[in-house]
């Protein structure tokens, strides 16, 4: 059984600020506000959440090879 990683370093594509965040296990996180510049991040087309688009680790459902909430 694979270990699920629950923390991801999310990097703002606008200012480059990186913050370590704990990912939710029961929902997708569609929005994330950068703590440095205030930019509201949304997933890139084809990604289910901001962690899949801007994080160092994909969200827990994707890590488990399952479909994520956004389908």
C-alpha atoms as a PDB file:
ATOM      1  CA  UNK A   1       0.000   0.000   0.000  1.00  0.00           C
ATOM      2  CA  UNK A   2       1.339   3.453  -0.922  1.00  0.00           C
ATOM      3  CA  UNK A   3       1.759   6.152   1.678  1.00  0.00           C
ATOM      4  CA  UNK A   4      -0.354   9.215   0.961  1.00  0.00           C
ATOM      5  CA  UNK A   5       1.454  12.527   1.362  1.00  0.00           C
ATOM      6  CA  UNK A   6      -0.789  15.186   2.874  1.00  0.00           C
ATOM      7  CA  UNK A   7       1.506  18.217   2.652  1.00  0.00           C
ATOM      8  CA  UNK A   8       2.404  20.012  -0.541  1.00  0.00           C
ATOM      9  CA  UNK A   9       4.491  23.096  -1.267  1.00  0.00           C
ATOM     10  CA  UNK A  10       2.299  25.337  -3.381  1.00  0.00           C
ATOM     11  CA  UNK A  11       4.126  27.909  -5.509  1.00  0.00           C
ATOM     12  CA  UNK A  12       2.476  31.045  -6.836  1.00  0.00           C
ATOM     13  CA  UNK A  13       3.130  31.386 -10.572  1.00  0.00           C
ATOM     14  CA  UNK A  14       2.838  35.175 -10.322  1.00  0.00           C
ATOM     15  CA  UNK A  15       5.334  36.056  -7.575  1.00  0.00           C
ATOM     16  CA  UNK A  16       7.127  32.745  -6.927  1.00  0.00           C
ATOM     17  CA  UNK A  17       6.192  32.607  -3.221  1.00  0.00           C
ATOM     18  CA  UNK A  18       6.126  29.061  -1.833  1.00  0.00           C
ATOM     19  CA  UNK A  19       4.036  27.946   1.125  1.00  0.00           C
ATOM     20  CA  UNK A  20       3.669  24.468   2.648  1.00  0.00           C
ATOM     21  CA  UNK A  21      -0.002  23.564   3.034  1.00  0.00           C
ATOM     22  CA  UNK A  22      -1.919  20.525   4.265  1.00  0.00           C
ATOM     23  CA  UNK A  23      -4.188  19.146   1.549  1.00  0.00           C
ATOM     24  CA  UNK A  24      -7.797  18.234   2.313  1.00  0.00           C
ATOM     25  CA  UNK A  25      -8.549  14.522   2.043  1.00  0.00           C
ATOM     26  CA  UNK A  26     -12.311  14.852   1.612  1.00  0.00           C
ATOM     27  CA  UNK A  27     -12.624  17.680  -0.950  1.00  0.00           C
ATOM     28  CA  UNK A  28     -10.813  19.387  -3.794  1.00  0.00           C
ATOM     29  CA  UNK A  29      -9.336  22.797  -3.159  1.00  0.00           C
ATOM     30  CA  UNK A  30     -10.305  24.786  -6.220  1.00  0.00           C
ATOM     31  CA  UNK A  31      -9.091  28.218  -5.025  1.00  0.00           C
ATOM     32  CA  UNK A  32      -5.959  29.302  -3.177  1.00  0.00           C
ATOM     33  CA  UNK A  33      -4.975  32.857  -2.279  1.00  0.00           C
ATOM     34  CA  UNK A  34      -1.236  33.525  -2.348  1.00  0.00           C
ATOM     35  CA  UNK A  35      -0.107  34.747   1.070  1.00  0.00           C
ATOM     36  CA  UNK A  36       2.483  37.025  -0.505  1.00  0.00           C
ATOM     37  CA  UNK A  37       0.843  38.813  -3.459  1.00  0.00           C
ATOM     38  CA  UNK A  38      -2.844  37.975  -2.892  1.00  0.00           C
ATOM     39  CA  UNK A  39      -3.353  36.399  -6.322  1.00  0.00           C
ATOM     40  CA  UNK A  40      -6.276  33.963  -6.356  1.00  0.00           C
ATOM     41  CA  UNK A  41      -5.084  30.753  -7.981  1.00  0.00           C
ATOM     42  CA  UNK A  42      -7.381  28.336  -9.809  1.00  0.00           C
ATOM     43  CA  UNK A  43      -6.456  24.930 -11.293  1.00  0.00           C
ATOM     44  CA  UNK A  44      -4.985  24.828 -14.775  1.00  0.00           C
ATOM     45  CA  UNK A  45      -7.259  23.313 -17.457  1.00  0.00           C
ATOM     46  CA  UNK A  46      -7.367  19.543 -16.984  1.00  0.00           C
ATOM     47  CA  UNK A  47      -6.336  19.641 -13.311  1.00  0.00           C
ATOM     48  CA  UNK A  48      -8.808  19.027 -10.498  1.00  0.00           C
ATOM     49  CA  UNK A  49      -7.339  21.333  -7.858  1.00  0.00           C
ATOM     50  CA  UNK A  50      -4.676  23.937  -7.117  1.00  0.00           C
ATOM     51  CA  UNK A  51      -2.364  21.293  -5.628  1.00  0.00           C
ATOM     52  CA  UNK A  52      -2.331  19.345  -8.893  1.00  0.00           C
ATOM     53  CA  UNK A  53      -1.496  22.554 -10.772  1.00  0.00           C
ATOM     54  CA  UNK A  54       0.885  24.412  -8.448  1.00  0.00           C
ATOM     55  CA  UNK A  55       1.872  21.991  -5.689  1.00  0.00           C
ATOM     56  CA  UNK A  56       4.957  19.856  -5.214  1.00  0.00           C
ATOM     57  CA  UNK A  57       2.657  16.872  -4.555  1.00  0.00           C
ATOM     58  CA  UNK A  58      -0.613  15.960  -6.298  1.00  0.00           C
ATOM     59  CA  UNK A  59      -3.813  15.780  -4.212  1.00  0.00           C
ATOM     60  CA  UNK A  60      -4.576  12.589  -2.199  1.00  0.00           C
ATOM     61  CA  UNK A  61      -7.180  11.136  -4.637  1.00  0.00           C
ATOM     62  CA  UNK A  62      -4.763  11.489  -7.568  1.00  0.00           C
ATOM     63  CA  UNK A  63      -1.959   9.948  -5.477  1.00  0.00           C
ATOM     64  CA  UNK A  64      -4.253   6.943  -4.973  1.00  0.00           C
ATOM     65  CA  UNK A  65      -4.924   6.741  -8.737  1.00  0.00           C
ATOM     66  CA  UNK A  66      -8.575   7.667  -8.200  1.00  0.00           C
ATOM     67  CA  UNK A  67     -10.584  10.356  -9.886  1.00  0.00           C
ATOM     68  CA  UNK A  68     -10.748  13.580  -7.954  1.00  0.00           C
ATOM     69  CA  UNK A  69     -13.860  15.533  -6.970  1.00  0.00           C
ATOM     70  CA  UNK A  70     -13.979  17.699 -10.108  1.00  0.00           C
ATOM     71  CA  UNK A  71     -14.098  14.678 -12.384  1.00  0.00           C
END
